[in-house]
N, C-alpha and C. Protein backbone atom coordinates (compact mmCIF):
# COMPACT_ATOMS: atom_id res chain seq x y z
N MET A 1 38.37 30.50 -45.38
CA MET A 1 38.47 30.18 -43.98
C MET A 1 37.22 29.41 -43.60
N LEU A 2 37.45 28.28 -42.91
CA LEU A 2 36.34 27.47 -42.43
C LEU A 2 36.24 27.58 -40.92
N LEU A 3 35.00 27.61 -40.43
CA LEU A 3 34.75 27.51 -39.00
C LEU A 3 34.25 26.10 -38.75
N ILE A 4 34.96 25.38 -37.89
CA ILE A 4 34.60 24.00 -37.59
C ILE A 4 34.19 23.97 -36.13
N SER A 5 32.93 23.55 -35.89
CA SER A 5 32.35 23.60 -34.56
C SER A 5 31.88 22.24 -34.10
N GLY A 6 31.91 22.06 -32.80
CA GLY A 6 31.35 20.87 -32.18
C GLY A 6 30.39 21.30 -31.10
N THR A 7 29.27 20.58 -30.99
CA THR A 7 28.26 20.87 -29.98
C THR A 7 27.94 19.59 -29.22
N ALA A 8 27.93 19.69 -27.90
CA ALA A 8 27.54 18.57 -27.04
C ALA A 8 27.36 19.09 -25.63
N GLY A 9 26.51 18.45 -24.87
CA GLY A 9 26.35 18.78 -23.46
C GLY A 9 25.91 20.21 -23.20
N GLY A 10 25.24 20.83 -24.16
CA GLY A 10 24.75 22.19 -23.97
C GLY A 10 25.78 23.28 -24.20
N THR A 11 26.91 22.94 -24.79
CA THR A 11 27.93 23.95 -25.08
C THR A 11 28.56 23.65 -26.43
N ASP A 12 29.36 24.57 -26.92
CA ASP A 12 30.02 24.32 -28.19
C ASP A 12 31.44 24.87 -28.18
N LEU A 13 32.20 24.44 -29.16
CA LEU A 13 33.58 24.85 -29.34
C LEU A 13 33.79 25.04 -30.84
N THR A 14 34.38 26.17 -31.21
CA THR A 14 34.62 26.47 -32.62
C THR A 14 36.08 26.84 -32.82
N GLY A 15 36.67 26.28 -33.85
CA GLY A 15 38.03 26.63 -34.26
C GLY A 15 38.02 27.13 -35.69
N THR A 16 39.15 27.63 -36.14
CA THR A 16 39.27 28.20 -37.47
C THR A 16 40.30 27.42 -38.29
N LEU A 17 39.91 27.07 -39.50
CA LEU A 17 40.84 26.45 -40.44
C LEU A 17 41.13 27.47 -41.53
N TYR A 18 42.38 27.94 -41.55
CA TYR A 18 42.82 28.87 -42.58
C TYR A 18 43.24 28.04 -43.79
N GLU A 19 42.72 28.41 -44.94
CA GLU A 19 42.98 27.64 -46.15
C GLU A 19 44.07 28.29 -47.00
N ARG A 20 44.51 27.53 -47.97
CA ARG A 20 45.56 27.96 -48.89
C ARG A 20 45.30 29.39 -49.38
N GLY A 21 46.31 30.24 -49.28
CA GLY A 21 46.20 31.60 -49.77
C GLY A 21 45.61 32.59 -48.78
N GLU A 22 45.11 32.12 -47.65
CA GLU A 22 44.55 33.03 -46.65
C GLU A 22 45.63 33.43 -45.65
N ARG A 23 45.47 34.57 -45.05
CA ARG A 23 46.43 35.04 -44.06
C ARG A 23 46.24 34.23 -42.77
N SER A 24 47.25 33.45 -42.44
CA SER A 24 47.19 32.61 -41.25
C SER A 24 47.73 33.35 -40.03
N PRO A 25 47.48 32.84 -38.84
CA PRO A 25 47.95 33.51 -37.63
C PRO A 25 49.47 33.61 -37.60
N SER A 26 49.98 34.65 -36.94
CA SER A 26 51.43 34.85 -36.91
C SER A 26 51.96 34.96 -35.48
N PHE A 27 51.19 34.51 -34.50
CA PHE A 27 51.65 34.60 -33.12
C PHE A 27 52.67 33.51 -32.80
N LYS A 28 53.32 33.63 -31.65
CA LYS A 28 54.36 32.69 -31.24
C LYS A 28 53.82 31.26 -31.27
N GLY A 29 54.54 30.37 -31.93
CA GLY A 29 54.14 28.98 -32.00
C GLY A 29 53.33 28.64 -33.24
N ALA A 30 52.94 29.63 -34.02
CA ALA A 30 52.17 29.36 -35.23
C ALA A 30 53.06 28.64 -36.24
N PRO A 31 52.48 27.72 -37.02
CA PRO A 31 53.29 27.04 -38.03
C PRO A 31 53.78 28.04 -39.07
N ASP A 32 54.84 27.71 -39.77
CA ASP A 32 55.33 28.66 -40.76
C ASP A 32 54.35 28.75 -41.92
N ASP A 33 54.50 29.80 -42.69
CA ASP A 33 53.54 30.08 -43.76
C ASP A 33 53.56 29.05 -44.89
N ASP A 34 54.47 28.11 -44.86
CA ASP A 34 54.53 27.11 -45.92
C ASP A 34 53.40 26.09 -45.82
N ALA A 35 52.78 25.93 -44.65
CA ALA A 35 51.67 24.98 -44.50
C ALA A 35 50.44 25.57 -45.18
N PRO A 36 49.85 24.84 -46.13
CA PRO A 36 48.71 25.39 -46.86
C PRO A 36 47.41 25.45 -46.04
N TYR A 37 47.29 24.65 -45.00
CA TYR A 37 46.09 24.63 -44.16
C TYR A 37 46.52 24.71 -42.70
N ILE A 38 45.96 25.66 -41.97
CA ILE A 38 46.35 25.85 -40.58
C ILE A 38 45.12 25.85 -39.70
N TRP A 39 45.10 24.97 -38.71
CA TRP A 39 44.00 24.81 -37.76
C TRP A 39 44.38 25.48 -36.44
N VAL A 40 43.48 26.33 -35.92
CA VAL A 40 43.69 27.00 -34.64
C VAL A 40 42.41 26.85 -33.82
N CYS A 41 42.56 26.33 -32.59
CA CYS A 41 41.39 26.14 -31.74
C CYS A 41 41.84 26.05 -30.29
N ASP A 42 40.99 26.54 -29.39
CA ASP A 42 41.26 26.40 -27.96
C ASP A 42 41.27 24.94 -27.57
N ALA A 43 41.90 24.68 -26.45
CA ALA A 43 41.85 23.38 -25.82
C ALA A 43 41.43 23.62 -24.37
N PHE A 44 40.64 22.71 -23.82
CA PHE A 44 40.22 22.87 -22.44
C PHE A 44 40.13 21.52 -21.76
N TYR A 45 40.10 21.56 -20.44
CA TYR A 45 40.04 20.33 -19.66
C TYR A 45 39.46 20.65 -18.29
N GLU A 46 38.95 19.62 -17.63
CA GLU A 46 38.35 19.79 -16.31
C GLU A 46 39.45 19.85 -15.24
N VAL A 47 39.27 20.76 -14.27
CA VAL A 47 40.18 20.87 -13.13
C VAL A 47 39.35 20.81 -11.85
N GLU A 48 40.00 20.41 -10.75
CA GLU A 48 39.27 20.30 -9.48
C GLU A 48 38.99 21.66 -8.87
N SER A 49 39.90 22.60 -9.05
CA SER A 49 39.67 23.95 -8.52
C SER A 49 40.25 24.96 -9.49
N GLY A 50 39.79 26.20 -9.36
CA GLY A 50 40.24 27.24 -10.28
C GLY A 50 39.52 27.13 -11.60
N GLY A 51 40.09 27.70 -12.61
CA GLY A 51 39.46 27.67 -13.92
C GLY A 51 38.18 28.47 -13.96
N GLN A 52 37.36 28.16 -14.92
CA GLN A 52 36.07 28.83 -15.11
C GLN A 52 34.96 27.84 -14.80
N THR A 53 34.04 28.22 -13.92
CA THR A 53 32.92 27.35 -13.58
C THR A 53 31.88 27.43 -14.69
N THR A 54 31.45 26.28 -15.16
CA THR A 54 30.47 26.22 -16.23
C THR A 54 29.63 24.95 -16.08
N GLU A 55 28.53 24.88 -16.78
CA GLU A 55 27.72 23.67 -16.78
C GLU A 55 27.82 23.03 -18.15
N ILE A 56 28.24 21.78 -18.15
CA ILE A 56 28.36 21.01 -19.39
C ILE A 56 27.77 19.64 -19.14
N GLY A 57 26.86 19.23 -19.97
CA GLY A 57 26.27 17.90 -19.84
C GLY A 57 25.51 17.72 -18.55
N GLY A 58 24.91 18.80 -18.03
CA GLY A 58 24.14 18.72 -16.80
C GLY A 58 24.98 18.70 -15.53
N ARG A 59 26.29 18.89 -15.66
CA ARG A 59 27.18 18.93 -14.50
C ARG A 59 27.82 20.30 -14.41
N GLU A 60 27.97 20.79 -13.18
CA GLU A 60 28.74 22.01 -12.98
C GLU A 60 30.18 21.59 -12.74
N LEU A 61 31.09 22.16 -13.52
CA LEU A 61 32.49 21.79 -13.38
C LEU A 61 33.38 22.99 -13.63
N ASN A 62 34.63 22.86 -13.22
CA ASN A 62 35.64 23.90 -13.46
C ASN A 62 36.44 23.49 -14.68
N VAL A 63 36.58 24.45 -15.59
CA VAL A 63 37.28 24.19 -16.84
C VAL A 63 38.45 25.16 -16.96
N ALA A 64 39.60 24.64 -17.32
CA ALA A 64 40.77 25.47 -17.59
C ALA A 64 41.05 25.41 -19.09
N PHE A 65 41.54 26.52 -19.63
CA PHE A 65 41.83 26.62 -21.06
C PHE A 65 43.33 26.66 -21.28
N GLU A 66 43.77 26.04 -22.36
CA GLU A 66 45.16 26.11 -22.80
C GLU A 66 45.24 27.11 -23.94
N SER A 67 46.40 27.66 -24.16
CA SER A 67 46.59 28.55 -25.30
C SER A 67 46.33 27.79 -26.59
N PRO A 68 45.72 28.44 -27.58
CA PRO A 68 45.51 27.75 -28.85
C PRO A 68 46.85 27.31 -29.44
N MET A 69 46.86 26.10 -29.94
CA MET A 69 48.08 25.55 -30.53
C MET A 69 47.80 25.30 -32.00
N PRO A 70 48.29 26.16 -32.88
CA PRO A 70 48.03 25.98 -34.31
C PRO A 70 48.76 24.77 -34.86
N HIS A 71 48.16 24.15 -35.83
CA HIS A 71 48.75 22.99 -36.49
C HIS A 71 48.64 23.16 -37.99
N GLY A 72 49.71 22.86 -38.71
CA GLY A 72 49.73 22.97 -40.16
C GLY A 72 49.51 21.61 -40.81
N PHE A 73 48.81 21.62 -41.96
CA PHE A 73 48.50 20.40 -42.69
C PHE A 73 48.71 20.62 -44.18
N GLU A 74 48.99 19.54 -44.89
CA GLU A 74 49.24 19.62 -46.32
C GLU A 74 47.97 19.54 -47.15
N THR A 75 46.92 18.87 -46.65
CA THR A 75 45.69 18.74 -47.43
C THR A 75 44.48 19.22 -46.62
N ARG A 76 43.48 19.66 -47.32
CA ARG A 76 42.25 20.14 -46.69
C ARG A 76 41.57 19.00 -45.92
N GLU A 77 41.50 17.82 -46.53
CA GLU A 77 40.85 16.67 -45.89
C GLU A 77 41.54 16.30 -44.58
N THR A 78 42.86 16.25 -44.59
CA THR A 78 43.61 15.92 -43.37
C THR A 78 43.38 16.97 -42.30
N ALA A 79 43.34 18.23 -42.70
CA ALA A 79 43.12 19.32 -41.74
C ALA A 79 41.73 19.23 -41.11
N ILE A 80 40.71 18.98 -41.92
CA ILE A 80 39.35 18.86 -41.39
C ILE A 80 39.23 17.66 -40.47
N ASP A 81 39.80 16.53 -40.86
CA ASP A 81 39.77 15.33 -40.01
C ASP A 81 40.43 15.62 -38.66
N ALA A 82 41.59 16.27 -38.68
CA ALA A 82 42.30 16.60 -37.44
C ALA A 82 41.50 17.58 -36.59
N ALA A 83 40.85 18.55 -37.23
CA ALA A 83 40.03 19.52 -36.51
C ALA A 83 38.87 18.82 -35.81
N GLU A 84 38.20 17.93 -36.51
CA GLU A 84 37.09 17.21 -35.91
C GLU A 84 37.56 16.36 -34.73
N GLU A 85 38.70 15.70 -34.89
CA GLU A 85 39.25 14.89 -33.80
C GLU A 85 39.62 15.77 -32.60
N HIS A 86 40.22 16.92 -32.86
CA HIS A 86 40.57 17.86 -31.79
C HIS A 86 39.33 18.26 -31.00
N ILE A 87 38.27 18.61 -31.70
CA ILE A 87 37.05 19.04 -31.02
C ILE A 87 36.46 17.90 -30.20
N ARG A 88 36.38 16.71 -30.76
CA ARG A 88 35.84 15.56 -30.01
C ARG A 88 36.68 15.27 -28.77
N THR A 89 38.00 15.42 -28.89
CA THR A 89 38.89 15.19 -27.76
C THR A 89 38.63 16.17 -26.63
N GLN A 90 38.37 17.43 -26.96
CA GLN A 90 38.11 18.43 -25.92
C GLN A 90 36.86 18.07 -25.11
N PHE A 91 35.82 17.62 -25.79
CA PHE A 91 34.61 17.22 -25.08
C PHE A 91 34.85 15.98 -24.23
N ALA A 92 35.65 15.05 -24.73
CA ALA A 92 35.98 13.85 -23.94
C ALA A 92 36.74 14.24 -22.67
N ARG A 93 37.56 15.29 -22.74
CA ARG A 93 38.35 15.73 -21.59
C ARG A 93 37.48 16.27 -20.46
N VAL A 94 36.22 16.61 -20.76
CA VAL A 94 35.31 17.07 -19.70
C VAL A 94 34.21 16.05 -19.45
N GLY A 95 34.45 14.80 -19.85
CA GLY A 95 33.56 13.70 -19.50
C GLY A 95 32.41 13.41 -20.44
N LEU A 96 32.39 14.01 -21.63
CA LEU A 96 31.32 13.73 -22.59
C LEU A 96 31.78 12.69 -23.60
N ASP A 97 30.82 11.95 -24.13
CA ASP A 97 31.10 10.94 -25.13
C ASP A 97 31.46 11.63 -26.45
N PRO A 98 32.68 11.43 -26.95
CA PRO A 98 33.07 12.10 -28.20
C PRO A 98 32.19 11.71 -29.38
N GLY A 99 31.57 10.54 -29.33
CA GLY A 99 30.67 10.12 -30.40
C GLY A 99 29.37 10.90 -30.43
N GLU A 100 29.07 11.60 -29.35
CA GLU A 100 27.84 12.39 -29.26
C GLU A 100 28.04 13.83 -29.73
N VAL A 101 29.26 14.21 -30.07
CA VAL A 101 29.56 15.58 -30.49
C VAL A 101 29.06 15.78 -31.92
N GLU A 102 28.23 16.79 -32.11
CA GLU A 102 27.75 17.13 -33.45
C GLU A 102 28.71 18.14 -34.06
N ILE A 103 29.31 17.78 -35.19
CA ILE A 103 30.29 18.62 -35.86
C ILE A 103 29.65 19.33 -37.05
N THR A 104 29.95 20.62 -37.19
CA THR A 104 29.53 21.37 -38.36
C THR A 104 30.74 22.08 -38.96
N VAL A 105 30.74 22.20 -40.28
CA VAL A 105 31.79 22.91 -41.01
C VAL A 105 31.10 23.98 -41.84
N ALA A 106 31.51 25.23 -41.64
CA ALA A 106 30.88 26.33 -42.35
C ALA A 106 31.93 27.28 -42.91
N GLN A 107 31.67 27.81 -44.07
CA GLN A 107 32.53 28.83 -44.66
C GLN A 107 32.35 30.11 -43.86
N ALA A 108 33.44 30.73 -43.43
CA ALA A 108 33.37 31.98 -42.67
C ALA A 108 33.03 33.12 -43.61
N GLU A 109 32.35 34.11 -43.08
CA GLU A 109 32.04 35.31 -43.85
C GLU A 109 33.35 36.05 -44.12
N PRO A 110 33.51 36.60 -45.31
CA PRO A 110 34.74 37.37 -45.60
C PRO A 110 34.85 38.56 -44.65
N GLU A 111 36.08 38.85 -44.23
CA GLU A 111 36.33 40.00 -43.35
C GLU A 111 36.22 41.29 -44.15
N ALA A 112 35.75 42.32 -43.47
CA ALA A 112 35.66 43.64 -44.12
C ALA A 112 37.07 44.17 -44.35
N GLN A 113 37.30 44.74 -45.47
CA GLN A 113 38.63 45.28 -45.79
C GLN A 113 38.77 46.67 -45.28
């Protein structure tokens, strides 16, 4: 399992990439188990009212979150590329330059059995 994170504007966003052979999410809308790589991450966007008030990039704004939408991929490279694009897109949705997002990919610690 990989944790793929993006940092920009004083905040960060992290999603999970489940790799071949790992137990992937099974909630409503999750891709079927045949996809060898499954990406799950929150999505957010700026709203005029409601949402959660936060400071991003030196601005106070209201942010609303969408339910995580898992996506299945056939190759690890394609999954990581899509994850990075997803993260950059979320920051762009709140007015930050997607090119300024620092992306990190880290192996997750194994879960305790």
